[in-house]
Amino acid sequence: MKRMLGYALALGTLVGAGALLYRFGLSDEAKEGVKAAARSVKDACDDISARVSDLYGTEVKEDMTERQREVRLQWERLGF
């Protein structure tokens, strides 16, 4: 429990320091750059999420070589 509290405190401190740095330490131009980077990351994550969602439930079938078929038959004959 102490470890979790320590992590939460460290994360809170990091977030607070980042917020203060963003608010008071960056110029308006730098803030726009940070916002543009955040939008770019969000768009990329949304695109990846959409592509994964489209593929959900899709079964990929590969063509087996003749040797692979032989090995599979041998395993099936052995009961596997």
PDB file of N, CA and C in Angstrom:
ATOM      1  N   MET A   1       0.826  -1.190   0.000  1.00  0.00           N
ATOM      2  CA  MET A   1       0.000   0.000   0.000  1.00  0.00           C
ATOM      3  C   MET A   1       0.868   1.251   0.000  1.00  0.00           C
ATOM      4  N   LYS A   2       1.978   1.195   0.741  1.00  0.00           N
ATOM      5  CA  LYS A   2       2.873   2.348   0.774  1.00  0.00           C
ATOM      6  C   LYS A   2       3.467   2.619  -0.597  1.00  0.00           C
ATOM      7  N   ARG A   3       3.753   1.538  -1.324  1.00  0.00           N
ATOM      8  CA  ARG A   3       4.328   1.689  -2.656  1.00  0.00           C
ATOM      9  C   ARG A   3       3.338   2.402  -3.582  1.00  0.00           C
ATOM     10  N   MET A   4       2.071   2.017  -3.521  1.00  0.00           N
ATOM     11  CA  MET A   4       1.048   2.651  -4.355  1.00  0.00           C
ATOM     12  C   MET A   4       0.899   4.125  -4.007  1.00  0.00           C
ATOM     13  N   LEU A   5       0.938   4.431  -2.714  1.00  0.00           N
ATOM     14  CA  LEU A   5       0.847   5.819  -2.277  1.00  0.00           C
ATOM     15  C   LEU A   5       2.039   6.611  -2.782  1.00  0.00           C
ATOM     16  N   GLY A   6       3.204   6.011  -2.748  1.00  0.00           N
ATOM     17  CA  GLY A   6       4.403   6.677  -3.255  1.00  0.00           C
ATOM     18  C   GLY A   6       4.311   6.950  -4.744  1.00  0.00           C
ATOM     19  N   TYR A   7       3.812   5.961  -5.504  1.00  0.00           N
ATOM     20  CA  TYR A   7       3.641   6.159  -6.941  1.00  0.00           C
ATOM     21  C   TYR A   7       2.610   7.252  -7.222  1.00  0.00           C
ATOM     22  N   ALA A   8       1.518   7.242  -6.491  1.00  0.00           N
ATOM     23  CA  ALA A   8       0.481   8.254  -6.689  1.00  0.00           C
ATOM     24  C   ALA A   8       1.023   9.644  -6.369  1.00  0.00           C
ATOM     25  N   LEU A   9       1.800   9.763  -5.311  1.00  0.00           N
ATOM     26  CA  LEU A   9       2.387  11.049  -4.936  1.00  0.00           C
ATOM     27  C   LEU A   9       3.379  11.517  -6.004  1.00  0.00           C
ATOM     28  N   ALA A  10       4.210  10.615  -6.494  1.00  0.00           N
ATOM     29  CA  ALA A  10       5.178  10.968  -7.536  1.00  0.00           C
ATOM     30  C   ALA A  10       4.462  11.385  -8.819  1.00  0.00           C
ATOM     31  N   LEU A  11       3.418  10.667  -9.191  1.00  0.00           N
ATOM     32  CA  LEU A  11       2.664  11.007 -10.394  1.00  0.00           C
ATOM     33  C   LEU A  11       1.978  12.360 -10.234  1.00  0.00           C
ATOM     34  N   GLY A  12       1.399  12.598  -9.081  1.00  0.00           N
ATOM     35  CA  GLY A  12       0.757  13.890  -8.823  1.00  0.00           C
ATOM     36  C   GLY A  12       1.746  15.035  -8.884  1.00  0.00           C
ATOM     37  N   THR A  13       2.918  14.831  -8.327  1.00  0.00           N
ATOM     38  CA  THR A  13       3.952  15.860  -8.361  1.00  0.00           C
ATOM     39  C   THR A  13       4.397  16.127  -9.791  1.00  0.00           C
ATOM     40  N   LEU A  14       4.584  15.072 -10.566  1.00  0.00           N
ATOM     41  CA  LEU A  14       4.995  15.212 -11.954  1.00  0.00           C
ATOM     42  C   LEU A  14       3.940  15.951 -12.779  1.00  0.00           C
ATOM     43  N   VAL A  15       2.694  15.585 -12.594  1.00  0.00           N
ATOM     44  CA  VAL A  15       1.610  16.244 -13.331  1.00  0.00           C
ATOM     45  C   VAL A  15       1.510  17.710 -12.925  1.00  0.00           C
ATOM     46  N   GLY A  16       1.609  17.984 -11.632  1.00  0.00           N
ATOM     47  CA  GLY A  16       1.552  19.369 -11.158  1.00  0.00           C
ATOM     48  C   GLY A  16       2.695  20.204 -11.705  1.00  0.00           C
ATOM     49  N   ALA A  17       3.896  19.639 -11.708  1.00  0.00           N
ATOM     50  CA  ALA A  17       5.046  20.370 -12.240  1.00  0.00           C
ATOM     51  C   ALA A  17       4.881  20.616 -13.739  1.00  0.00           C
ATOM     52  N   GLY A  18       4.365  19.629 -14.444  1.00  0.00           N
ATOM     53  CA  GLY A  18       4.129  19.798 -15.875  1.00  0.00           C
ATOM     54  C   GLY A  18       3.089  20.870 -16.159  1.00  0.00           C
ATOM     55  N   ALA A  19       2.028  20.899 -15.353  1.00  0.00           N
ATOM     56  CA  ALA A  19       0.985  21.910 -15.529  1.00  0.00           C
ATOM     57  C   ALA A  19       1.532  23.307 -15.259  1.00  0.00           C
ATOM     58  N   LEU A  20       2.329  23.439 -14.207  1.00  0.00           N
ATOM     59  CA  LEU A  20       2.921  24.745 -13.903  1.00  0.00           C
ATOM     60  C   LEU A  20       3.893  25.176 -14.991  1.00  0.00           C
ATOM     61  N   LEU A  21       4.694  24.253 -15.473  1.00  0.00           N
ATOM     62  CA  LEU A  21       5.628  24.570 -16.551  1.00  0.00           C
ATOM     63  C   LEU A  21       4.869  24.994 -17.800  1.00  0.00           C
ATOM     64  N   TYR A  22       3.793  24.291 -18.124  1.00  0.00           N
ATOM     65  CA  TYR A  22       3.003  24.636 -19.296  1.00  0.00           C
ATOM     66  C   TYR A  22       2.370  26.011 -19.136  1.00  0.00           C
ATOM     67  N   ARG A  23       1.824  26.250 -17.954  1.00  0.00           N
ATOM     68  CA  ARG A  23       1.089  27.502 -17.718  1.00  0.00           C
ATOM     69  C   ARG A  23       2.011  28.723 -17.671  1.00  0.00           C
ATOM     70  N   PHE A  24       3.133  28.603 -16.974  1.00  0.00           N
ATOM     71  CA  PHE A  24       3.966  29.774 -16.727  1.00  0.00           C
ATOM     72  C   PHE A  24       5.319  29.736 -17.443  1.00  0.00           C
ATOM     73  N   GLY A  25       5.756  28.585 -17.897  1.00  0.00           N
ATOM     74  CA  GLY A  25       7.096  28.484 -18.439  1.00  0.00           C
ATOM     75  C   GLY A  25       7.188  28.490 -19.951  1.00  0.00           C
ATOM     76  N   LEU A  26       6.070  28.337 -20.635  1.00  0.00           N
ATOM     77  CA  LEU A  26       6.111  28.263 -22.089  1.00  0.00           C
ATOM     78  C   LEU A  26       5.531  29.517 -22.724  1.00  0.00           C
ATOM     79  N   SER A  27       6.104  29.880 -23.858  1.00  0.00           N
ATOM     80  CA  SER A  27       5.553  30.987 -24.623  1.00  0.00           C
ATOM     81  C   SER A  27       4.293  30.511 -25.335  1.00  0.00           C
ATOM     82  N   ASP A  28       3.548  31.459 -25.888  1.00  0.00           N
ATOM     83  CA  ASP A  28       2.327  31.090 -26.607  1.00  0.00           C
ATOM     84  C   ASP A  28       2.643  30.207 -27.813  1.00  0.00           C
ATOM     85  N   GLU A  29       3.751  30.492 -28.471  1.00  0.00           N
ATOM     86  CA  GLU A  29       4.156  29.689 -29.622  1.00  0.00           C
ATOM     87  C   GLU A  29       4.498  28.258 -29.198  1.00  0.00           C
ATOM     88  N   ALA A  30       5.163  28.111 -28.083  1.00  0.00           N
ATOM     89  CA  ALA A  30       5.515  26.776 -27.581  1.00  0.00           C
ATOM     90  C   ALA A  30       4.260  26.020 -27.151  1.00  0.00           C
ATOM     91  N   LYS A  31       3.310  26.728 -26.552  1.00  0.00           N
ATOM     92  CA  LYS A  31       2.053  26.090 -26.151  1.00  0.00           C
ATOM     93  C   LYS A  31       1.308  25.554 -27.378  1.00  0.00           C
ATOM     94  N   GLU A  32       1.307  26.326 -28.467  1.00  0.00           N
ATOM     95  CA  GLU A  32       0.661  25.865 -29.693  1.00  0.00           C
ATOM     96  C   GLU A  32       1.367  24.628 -30.243  1.00  0.00           C
ATOM     97  N   GLY A  33       2.676  24.586 -30.120  1.00  0.00           N
ATOM     98  CA  GLY A  33       3.429  23.411 -30.558  1.00  0.00           C
ATOM     99  C   GLY A  33       3.077  22.186 -29.740  1.00  0.00           C
ATOM    100  N   VAL A  34       2.933  22.352 -28.431  1.00  0.00           N
ATOM    101  CA  VAL A  34       2.555  21.239 -27.557  1.00  0.00           C
ATOM    102  C   VAL A  34       1.152  20.765 -27.901  1.00  0.00           C
ATOM    103  N   LYS A  35       0.242  21.709 -28.128  1.00  0.00           N
ATOM    104  CA  LYS A  35      -1.129  21.340 -28.494  1.00  0.00           C
ATOM    105  C   LYS A  35      -1.164  20.601 -29.829  1.00  0.00           C
ATOM    106  N   ALA A  36      -0.367  21.058 -30.801  1.00  0.00           N
ATOM    107  CA  ALA A  36      -0.323  20.397 -32.111  1.00  0.00           C
ATOM    108  C   ALA A  36       0.233  18.978 -31.973  1.00  0.00           C
ATOM    109  N   ALA A  37       1.256  18.812 -31.148  1.00  0.00           N
ATOM    110  CA  ALA A  37       1.822  17.480 -30.936  1.00  0.00           C
ATOM    111  C   ALA A  37       0.801  16.557 -30.264  1.00  0.00           C
ATOM    112  N   ALA A  38       0.079  17.081 -29.287  1.00  0.00           N
ATOM    113  CA  ALA A  38      -0.936  16.284 -28.598  1.00  0.00           C
ATOM    114  C   ALA A  38      -2.054  15.877 -29.565  1.00  0.00           C
ATOM    115  N   ARG A  39      -2.465  16.808 -30.437  1.00  0.00           N
ATOM    116  CA  ARG A  39      -3.488  16.481 -31.435  1.00  0.00           C
ATOM    117  C   ARG A  39      -2.986  15.404 -32.389  1.00  0.00           C
ATOM    118  N   SER A  40      -1.725  15.499 -32.778  1.00  0.00           N
ATOM    119  CA  SER A  40      -1.145  14.518 -33.686  1.00  0.00           C
ATOM    120  C   SER A  40      -1.131  13.130 -33.050  1.00  0.00           C
ATOM    121  N   VAL A  41      -0.737  13.054 -31.790  1.00  0.00           N
ATOM    122  CA  VAL A  41      -0.725  11.769 -31.086  1.00  0.00           C
ATOM    123  C   VAL A  41      -2.140  11.221 -30.949  1.00  0.00           C
ATOM    124  N   LYS A  42      -3.092  12.094 -30.606  1.00  0.00           N
ATOM    125  CA  LYS A  42      -4.485  11.660 -30.467  1.00  0.00           C
ATOM    126  C   LYS A  42      -5.038  11.143 -31.791  1.00  0.00           C
ATOM    127  N   ASP A  43      -4.746  11.848 -32.884  1.00  0.00           N
ATOM    128  CA  ASP A  43      -5.224  11.402 -34.193  1.00  0.00           C
ATOM    129  C   ASP A  43      -4.619  10.056 -34.572  1.00  0.00           C
ATOM    130  N   ALA A  44      -3.339   9.866 -34.282  1.00  0.00           N
ATOM    131  CA  ALA A  44      -2.687   8.598 -34.584  1.00  0.00           C
ATOM    132  C   ALA A  44      -3.296   7.468 -33.764  1.00  0.00           C
ATOM    133  N   CYS A  45      -3.552   7.726 -32.485  1.00  0.00           N
ATOM    134  CA  CYS A  45      -4.168   6.700 -31.633  1.00  0.00           C
ATOM    135  C   CYS A  45      -5.578   6.363 -32.107  1.00  0.00           C
ATOM    136  N   ASP A  46      -6.337   7.382 -32.502  1.00  0.00           N
ATOM    137  CA  ASP A  46      -7.685   7.140 -33.015  1.00  0.00           C
ATOM    138  C   ASP A  46      -7.640   6.316 -34.304  1.00  0.00           C
ATOM    139  N   ASP A  47      -6.680   6.619 -35.177  1.00  0.00           N
ATOM    140  CA  ASP A  47      -6.542   5.886 -36.433  1.00  0.00           C
ATOM    141  C   ASP A  47      -6.182   4.423 -36.168  1.00  0.00           C
ATOM    142  N   ILE A  48      -5.241   4.194 -35.275  1.00  0.00           N
ATOM    143  CA  ILE A  48      -4.851   2.824 -34.939  1.00  0.00           C
ATOM    144  C   ILE A  48      -6.015   2.074 -34.310  1.00  0.00           C
ATOM    145  N   SER A  49      -6.730   2.736 -33.410  1.00  0.00           N
ATOM    146  CA  SER A  49      -7.879   2.115 -32.760  1.00  0.00           C
ATOM    147  C   SER A  49      -8.954   1.734 -33.785  1.00  0.00           C
ATOM    148  N   ALA A  50      -9.192   2.610 -34.745  1.00  0.00           N
ATOM    149  CA  ALA A  50     -10.196   2.328 -35.772  1.00  0.00           C
ATOM    150  C   ALA A  50      -9.763   1.145 -36.633  1.00  0.00           C
ATOM    151  N   ARG A  51      -8.486   1.089 -36.985  1.00  0.00           N
ATOM    152  CA  ARG A  51      -7.998  -0.020 -37.809  1.00  0.00           C
ATOM    153  C   ARG A  51      -8.080  -1.347 -37.058  1.00  0.00           C
ATOM    154  N   VAL A  52      -7.743  -1.325 -35.776  1.00  0.00           N
ATOM    155  CA  VAL A  52      -7.824  -2.552 -34.983  1.00  0.00           C
ATOM    156  C   VAL A  52      -9.276  -2.980 -34.828  1.00  0.00           C
ATOM    157  N   SER A  53     -10.172  -2.027 -34.615  1.00  0.00           N
ATOM    158  CA  SER A  53     -11.598  -2.349 -34.476  1.00  0.00           C
ATOM    159  C   SER A  53     -12.150  -2.963 -35.757  1.00  0.00           C
ATOM    160  N   ASP A  54     -11.680  -2.456 -36.912  1.00  0.00           N
ATOM    161  CA  ASP A  54     -12.138  -3.006 -38.188  1.00  0.00           C
ATOM    162  C   ASP A  54     -11.687  -4.453 -38.363  1.00  0.00           C
ATOM    163  N   LEU A  55     -10.527  -4.787 -37.817  1.00  0.00           N
ATOM    164  CA  LEU A  55      -9.982  -6.132 -37.975  1.00  0.00           C
ATOM    165  C   LEU A  55     -10.444  -7.098 -36.897  1.00  0.00           C
ATOM    166  N   TYR A  56     -11.135  -6.602 -35.877  1.00  0.00           N
ATOM    167  CA  TYR A  56     -11.565  -7.466 -34.780  1.00  0.00           C
ATOM    168  C   TYR A  56     -12.486  -8.556 -35.312  1.00  0.00           C
ATOM    169  N   GLY A  57     -12.171  -9.783 -34.991  1.00  0.00           N
ATOM    170  CA  GLY A  57     -12.978 -10.911 -35.410  1.00  0.00           C
ATOM    171  C   GLY A  57     -12.589 -11.470 -36.767  1.00  0.00           C
ATOM    172  N   THR A  58     -11.649 -10.834 -37.442  1.00  0.00           N
ATOM    173  CA  THR A  58     -11.203 -11.324 -38.735  1.00  0.00           C
ATOM    174  C   THR A  58     -10.239 -12.481 -38.525  1.00  0.00           C
ATOM    175  N   GLU A  59     -10.494 -13.551 -39.217  1.00  0.00           N
ATOM    176  CA  GLU A  59      -9.636 -14.729 -39.097  1.00  0.00           C
ATOM    177  C   GLU A  59      -8.654 -14.739 -40.263  1.00  0.00           C
ATOM    178  N   VAL A  60      -7.398 -14.854 -39.936  1.00  0.00           N
ATOM    179  CA  VAL A  60      -6.363 -14.880 -40.963  1.00  0.00           C
ATOM    180  C   VAL A  60      -6.006 -16.334 -41.251  1.00  0.00           C
ATOM    181  N   LYS A  61      -6.095 -16.703 -42.512  1.00  0.00           N
ATOM    182  CA  LYS A  61      -5.756 -18.060 -42.917  1.00  0.00           C
ATOM    183  C   LYS A  61      -4.557 -17.985 -43.846  1.00  0.00           C
ATOM    184  N   GLU A  62      -3.567 -18.806 -43.547  1.00  0.00           N
ATOM    185  CA  GLU A  62      -2.370 -18.843 -44.378  1.00  0.00           C
ATOM    186  C   GLU A  62      -2.358 -20.123 -45.188  1.00  0.00           C
ATOM    187  N   ASP A  63      -1.850 -20.043 -46.382  1.00  0.00           N
ATOM    188  CA  ASP A  63      -1.683 -21.237 -47.201  1.00  0.00           C
ATOM    189  C   ASP A  63      -0.542 -22.067 -46.637  1.00  0.00           C
ATOM    190  N   MET A  64      -0.800 -23.356 -46.519  1.00  0.00           N
ATOM    191  CA  MET A  64       0.230 -24.250 -46.001  1.00  0.00           C
ATOM    192  C   MET A  64       0.989 -24.882 -47.161  1.00  0.00           C
ATOM    193  N   THR A  65       2.256 -25.085 -46.937  1.00  0.00           N
ATOM    194  CA  THR A  65       3.048 -25.806 -47.925  1.00  0.00           C
ATOM    195  C   THR A  65       2.734 -27.296 -47.812  1.00  0.00           C
ATOM    196  N   GLU A  66       3.173 -28.040 -48.797  1.00  0.00           N
ATOM    197  CA  GLU A  66       2.926 -29.487 -48.787  1.00  0.00           C
ATOM    198  C   GLU A  66       3.561 -30.126 -47.558  1.00  0.00           C
ATOM    199  N   ARG A  67       4.738 -29.685 -47.193  1.00  0.00           N
ATOM    200  CA  ARG A  67       5.421 -30.251 -46.018  1.00  0.00           C
ATOM    201  C   ARG A  67       4.632 -29.951 -44.741  1.00  0.00           C
ATOM    202  N   GLN A  68       4.085 -28.760 -44.631  1.00  0.00           N
ATOM    203  CA  GLN A  68       3.283 -28.420 -43.461  1.00  0.00           C
ATOM    204  C   GLN A  68       2.041 -29.303 -43.376  1.00  0.00           C
ATOM    205  N   ARG A  69       1.427 -29.588 -44.521  1.00  0.00           N
ATOM    206  CA  ARG A  69       0.258 -30.470 -44.531  1.00  0.00           C
ATOM    207  C   ARG A  69       0.637 -31.876 -44.055  1.00  0.00           C
ATOM    208  N   GLU A  70       1.772 -32.364 -44.518  1.00  0.00           N
ATOM    209  CA  GLU A  70       2.221 -33.686 -44.109  1.00  0.00           C
ATOM    210  C   GLU A  70       2.461 -33.754 -42.607  1.00  0.00           C
ATOM    211  N   VAL A  71       3.110 -32.748 -42.077  1.00  0.00           N
ATOM    212  CA  VAL A  71       3.388 -32.723 -40.639  1.00  0.00           C
ATOM    213  C   VAL A  71       2.084 -32.651 -39.850  1.00  0.00           C
ATOM    214  N   ARG A  72       1.152 -31.813 -40.305  1.00  0.00           N
ATOM    215  CA  ARG A  72      -0.140 -31.709 -39.609  1.00  0.00           C
ATOM    216  C   ARG A  72      -0.872 -33.052 -39.621  1.00  0.00           C
ATOM    217  N   LEU A  73      -0.868 -33.749 -40.754  1.00  0.00           N
ATOM    218  CA  LEU A  73      -1.502 -35.067 -40.831  1.00  0.00           C
ATOM    219  C   LEU A  73      -0.846 -36.071 -39.882  1.00  0.00           C
ATOM    220  N   GLN A  74       0.463 -36.021 -39.788  1.00  0.00           N
ATOM    221  CA  GLN A  74       1.167 -36.907 -38.881  1.00  0.00           C
ATOM    222  C   GLN A  74       0.758 -36.644 -37.432  1.00  0.00           C
ATOM    223  N   TRP A  75       0.669 -35.385 -37.080  1.00  0.00           N
ATOM    224  CA  TRP A  75       0.243 -35.056 -35.707  1.00  0.00           C
ATOM    225  C   TRP A  75      -1.198 -35.512 -35.456  1.00  0.00           C
ATOM    226  N   GLU A  76      -2.055 -35.330 -36.463  1.00  0.00           N
ATOM    227  CA  GLU A  76      -3.446 -35.749 -36.301  1.00  0.00           C
ATOM    228  C   GLU A  76      -3.554 -37.268 -36.146  1.00  0.00           C
ATOM    229  N   ARG A  77      -2.727 -37.992 -36.882  1.00  0.00           N
ATOM    230  CA  ARG A  77      -2.716 -39.458 -36.742  1.00  0.00           C
ATOM    231  C   ARG A  77      -2.263 -39.893 -35.355  1.00  0.00           C
ATOM    232  N   LEU A  78      -1.393 -39.087 -34.761  1.00  0.00           N
ATOM    233  CA  LEU A  78      -0.927 -39.397 -33.406  1.00  0.00           C
ATOM    234  C   LEU A  78      -1.933 -38.967 -32.336  1.00  0.00           C
ATOM    235  N   GLY A  79      -2.973 -38.245 -32.732  1.00  0.00           N
ATOM    236  CA  GLY A  79      -4.014 -37.870 -31.791  1.00  0.00           C
ATOM    237  C   GLY A  79      -3.905 -36.442 -31.268  1.00  0.00           C
ATOM    238  N   PHE A  80      -3.109 -35.642 -31.910  1.00  0.00           N
ATOM    239  CA  PHE A  80      -2.973 -34.240 -31.466  1.00  0.00           C
ATOM    240  C   PHE A  80      -3.647 -33.311 -32.409  1.00  0.00           C
TER     241      PHE A  80
END
